[in-house]
Amino acid sequence: MARKPAYILKNVSLSVEGDVRIGQCQSITIPVLERTMEEFRNAGMIKPREVAMGYEVTTATFTETAFDPAVMALFGIVNGSNRNIIAYGYLESEDGREHEARFEMVCDFKKVDGGDWSPGEKAETEYEIAVHEGRLVIDGTEVYAYDDFGITIGGVKQQPGMAGALRMI
């Protein structure tokens, strides 16, 4: 752990299906990992306890200052239309160290919002995506990765016995 501010996000870019969108992407909101919690109060307990049952659906959004028909067309409904999107981040620590981060996503486009059209003002297009697989990597080290069937955090597979118990392997 650093004693000075570290890993400060200074700049971002986005790659959509291999096309790096330098200067096009205004903002990116990467998926939020959130546990699904259920409340249990069994016999003999004086109060309920929350138990993790899995994870919530993961989504992401990004906004571009472009009205790019090639990106907008990715919204098309096609069977197996999973898309590859990568959010890149440049991070800097106050001690001068530089870092790189990326969030890799396999996703489907849920929403394309062309926004307001006003003369003399920049146009924005907002996209919302359903993220089926995600992977956060900082300085070449995987922080976490997930798909529909499992999650690895800090290099440790969570609930490793589940796949065998359910005959998934």
Protein backbone atom coordinates (compact mmCIF):
# COMPACT_ATOMS: atom_id res chain seq x y z
CA MET A 1 0.00 0.00 0.00
CA ALA A 2 1.24 3.45 -0.91
CA ARG A 3 1.49 6.35 1.53
CA LYS A 4 0.93 8.90 -1.20
CA PRO A 5 -2.05 8.97 -3.56
CA ALA A 6 -1.56 6.13 -6.02
CA TYR A 7 -3.24 4.65 -9.08
CA ILE A 8 -4.98 7.92 -9.95
CA LEU A 9 -6.95 7.51 -13.17
CA LYS A 10 -5.74 10.28 -15.50
CA ASN A 11 -7.03 9.30 -18.95
CA VAL A 12 -9.09 6.67 -20.76
CA SER A 13 -9.74 5.23 -24.17
CA LEU A 14 -12.00 2.56 -25.55
CA SER A 15 -11.64 -0.21 -28.10
CA VAL A 16 -14.84 -1.42 -29.76
CA GLU A 17 -14.40 -4.60 -31.79
CA GLY A 18 -10.69 -3.82 -32.20
CA ASP A 19 -11.19 -0.18 -33.24
CA VAL A 20 -9.46 2.05 -30.65
CA ARG A 21 -11.71 5.10 -30.21
CA ILE A 22 -9.04 7.69 -29.33
CA GLY A 23 -10.70 11.08 -29.05
CA GLN A 24 -14.19 9.68 -29.51
CA CYS A 25 -15.07 8.32 -26.08
CA GLN A 26 -16.08 10.89 -23.49
CA SER A 27 -16.64 8.55 -20.55
CA ILE A 28 -16.81 4.88 -19.63
CA THR A 29 -18.54 3.28 -16.68
CA ILE A 30 -17.16 -0.22 -16.21
CA PRO A 31 -19.36 -2.96 -14.73
CA VAL A 32 -20.05 -2.98 -11.01
CA LEU A 33 -19.55 -6.31 -9.27
CA GLU A 34 -22.29 -6.66 -6.69
CA ARG A 35 -23.21 -9.72 -4.69
CA THR A 36 -26.81 -10.92 -4.52
CA MET A 37 -27.63 -11.19 -0.84
CA GLU A 38 -30.52 -13.11 0.72
CA GLU A 39 -31.66 -12.74 4.30
CA PHE A 40 -31.94 -15.91 6.39
CA ARG A 41 -33.27 -16.40 9.90
CA ASN A 42 -33.40 -20.05 10.81
CA ALA A 43 -34.60 -21.69 14.02
CA GLY A 44 -32.69 -20.56 17.09
CA MET A 45 -31.28 -17.40 15.49
CA ILE A 46 -32.16 -14.12 17.24
CA LYS A 47 -31.65 -12.04 14.12
CA PRO A 48 -31.42 -12.60 10.37
CA ARG A 49 -28.10 -12.97 8.59
CA GLU A 50 -27.35 -11.99 4.99
CA VAL A 51 -25.85 -14.75 2.84
CA ALA A 52 -24.21 -14.24 -0.56
CA MET A 53 -26.10 -16.23 -3.22
CA GLY A 54 -24.24 -15.14 -6.33
CA TYR A 55 -23.79 -11.92 -8.29
CA GLU A 56 -26.02 -9.33 -9.91
CA VAL A 57 -26.21 -8.79 -13.67
CA THR A 58 -23.29 -6.69 -14.90
CA THR A 59 -23.76 -3.79 -17.29
CA ALA A 60 -21.58 -0.96 -18.53
CA THR A 61 -22.10 2.34 -20.31
CA PHE A 62 -19.99 4.55 -22.48
CA THR A 63 -20.59 7.91 -24.07
CA GLU A 64 -19.04 9.10 -27.30
CA THR A 65 -18.96 12.59 -28.76
CA ALA A 66 -19.28 10.94 -32.16
CA PHE A 67 -22.40 9.94 -34.01
CA ASP A 68 -20.58 7.00 -35.57
CA PRO A 69 -22.80 4.72 -37.70
CA ALA A 70 -20.30 1.83 -37.46
CA VAL A 71 -20.60 1.71 -33.66
CA MET A 72 -24.34 2.36 -33.71
CA ALA A 73 -24.81 -0.59 -36.10
CA LEU A 74 -23.36 -2.95 -33.48
CA PHE A 75 -26.76 -2.70 -31.79
CA GLY A 76 -28.16 -4.99 -34.49
CA ILE A 77 -30.00 -8.02 -33.18
CA VAL A 78 -28.08 -11.08 -34.35
CA ASN A 79 -27.88 -14.49 -32.72
CA GLY A 80 -24.51 -14.83 -31.03
CA SER A 81 -23.81 -11.12 -31.42
CA ASN A 82 -21.39 -10.92 -28.51
CA ARG A 83 -19.05 -7.97 -28.95
CA ASN A 84 -15.56 -7.36 -27.60
CA ILE A 85 -15.01 -4.03 -25.88
CA ILE A 86 -11.95 -3.00 -23.88
CA ALA A 87 -11.75 0.07 -21.66
CA TYR A 88 -8.16 1.30 -21.23
CA GLY A 89 -6.97 3.52 -18.40
CA TYR A 90 -3.78 5.45 -17.76
CA LEU A 91 -3.02 5.73 -14.04
CA GLU A 92 -0.35 7.69 -12.24
CA SER A 93 0.92 7.62 -8.66
CA GLU A 94 2.21 10.73 -6.90
CA ASP A 95 5.59 9.05 -6.50
CA GLY A 96 5.94 9.22 -10.31
CA ARG A 97 5.09 5.63 -11.16
CA GLU A 98 2.87 5.08 -14.19
CA HIS A 99 0.35 2.27 -14.46
CA GLU A 100 -1.94 0.82 -17.07
CA ALA A 101 -5.36 -0.72 -16.57
CA ARG A 102 -7.79 -2.43 -18.88
CA PHE A 103 -11.26 -3.86 -18.48
CA GLU A 104 -12.05 -6.48 -21.12
CA MET A 105 -15.71 -7.21 -21.83
CA VAL A 106 -17.68 -9.69 -23.89
CA CYS A 107 -21.07 -8.07 -24.23
CA ASP A 108 -24.26 -7.30 -26.13
CA PHE A 109 -25.51 -3.81 -26.87
CA LYS A 110 -28.70 -3.05 -24.91
CA LYS A 111 -29.30 0.59 -25.74
CA VAL A 112 -28.15 3.25 -28.18
CA ASP A 113 -29.22 6.78 -27.25
CA GLY A 114 -28.46 9.44 -29.87
CA GLY A 115 -29.19 12.17 -27.32
CA ASP A 116 -30.28 15.72 -28.00
CA TRP A 117 -29.45 17.39 -31.27
CA SER A 118 -28.81 21.09 -30.76
CA PRO A 119 -27.12 23.53 -33.13
CA GLY A 120 -23.71 24.75 -31.95
CA GLU A 121 -23.37 22.06 -29.27
CA LYS A 122 -21.48 18.79 -29.33
CA ALA A 123 -23.54 15.69 -29.91
CA GLU A 124 -23.28 12.70 -27.62
CA THR A 125 -24.26 9.10 -28.14
CA GLU A 126 -24.70 6.93 -25.07
CA TYR A 127 -24.45 3.15 -25.19
CA GLU A 128 -25.51 0.62 -22.59
CA ILE A 129 -24.19 -2.92 -22.78
CA ALA A 130 -24.92 -6.21 -21.00
CA VAL A 131 -21.55 -7.62 -19.95
CA HIS A 132 -21.44 -11.44 -20.01
CA GLU A 133 -17.71 -11.77 -19.28
CA GLY A 134 -15.41 -9.25 -17.66
CA ARG A 135 -11.75 -9.08 -16.75
CA LEU A 136 -9.90 -6.29 -14.91
CA VAL A 137 -6.11 -6.19 -15.38
CA ILE A 138 -3.80 -3.61 -13.76
CA ASP A 139 -0.10 -3.51 -14.65
CA GLY A 140 -0.40 -6.93 -16.26
CA THR A 141 -1.90 -8.58 -13.17
CA GLU A 142 -5.45 -9.89 -13.25
CA VAL A 143 -7.46 -8.37 -10.39
CA TYR A 144 -10.63 -10.28 -11.16
CA ALA A 145 -12.36 -12.10 -14.01
CA TYR A 146 -15.84 -13.53 -14.34
CA ASP A 147 -18.25 -15.18 -16.73
CA ASP A 148 -21.68 -16.77 -16.30
CA PHE A 149 -20.28 -19.76 -14.41
CA GLY A 150 -17.48 -18.53 -12.15
CA ILE A 151 -15.35 -15.76 -10.79
CA THR A 152 -11.65 -15.47 -9.97
CA ILE A 153 -10.51 -12.74 -7.58
CA GLY A 154 -6.83 -12.01 -7.02
CA GLY A 155 -5.94 -15.20 -8.88
CA VAL A 156 -8.11 -17.37 -6.61
CA LYS A 157 -11.10 -19.18 -8.09
CA GLN A 158 -14.12 -18.57 -5.87
CA GLN A 159 -16.19 -21.63 -4.89
CA PRO A 160 -13.90 -24.09 -6.71
CA GLY A 161 -15.95 -27.10 -5.63
CA MET A 162 -19.15 -25.87 -7.30
CA ALA A 163 -18.17 -26.95 -10.84
CA GLY A 164 -17.45 -30.51 -9.70
CA ALA A 165 -20.55 -30.72 -7.49
CA LEU A 166 -22.77 -29.63 -10.39
CA ARG A 167 -20.91 -31.84 -12.92
CA MET A 168 -19.91 -28.77 -14.95
CA ILE A 169 -16.43 -30.24 -15.54
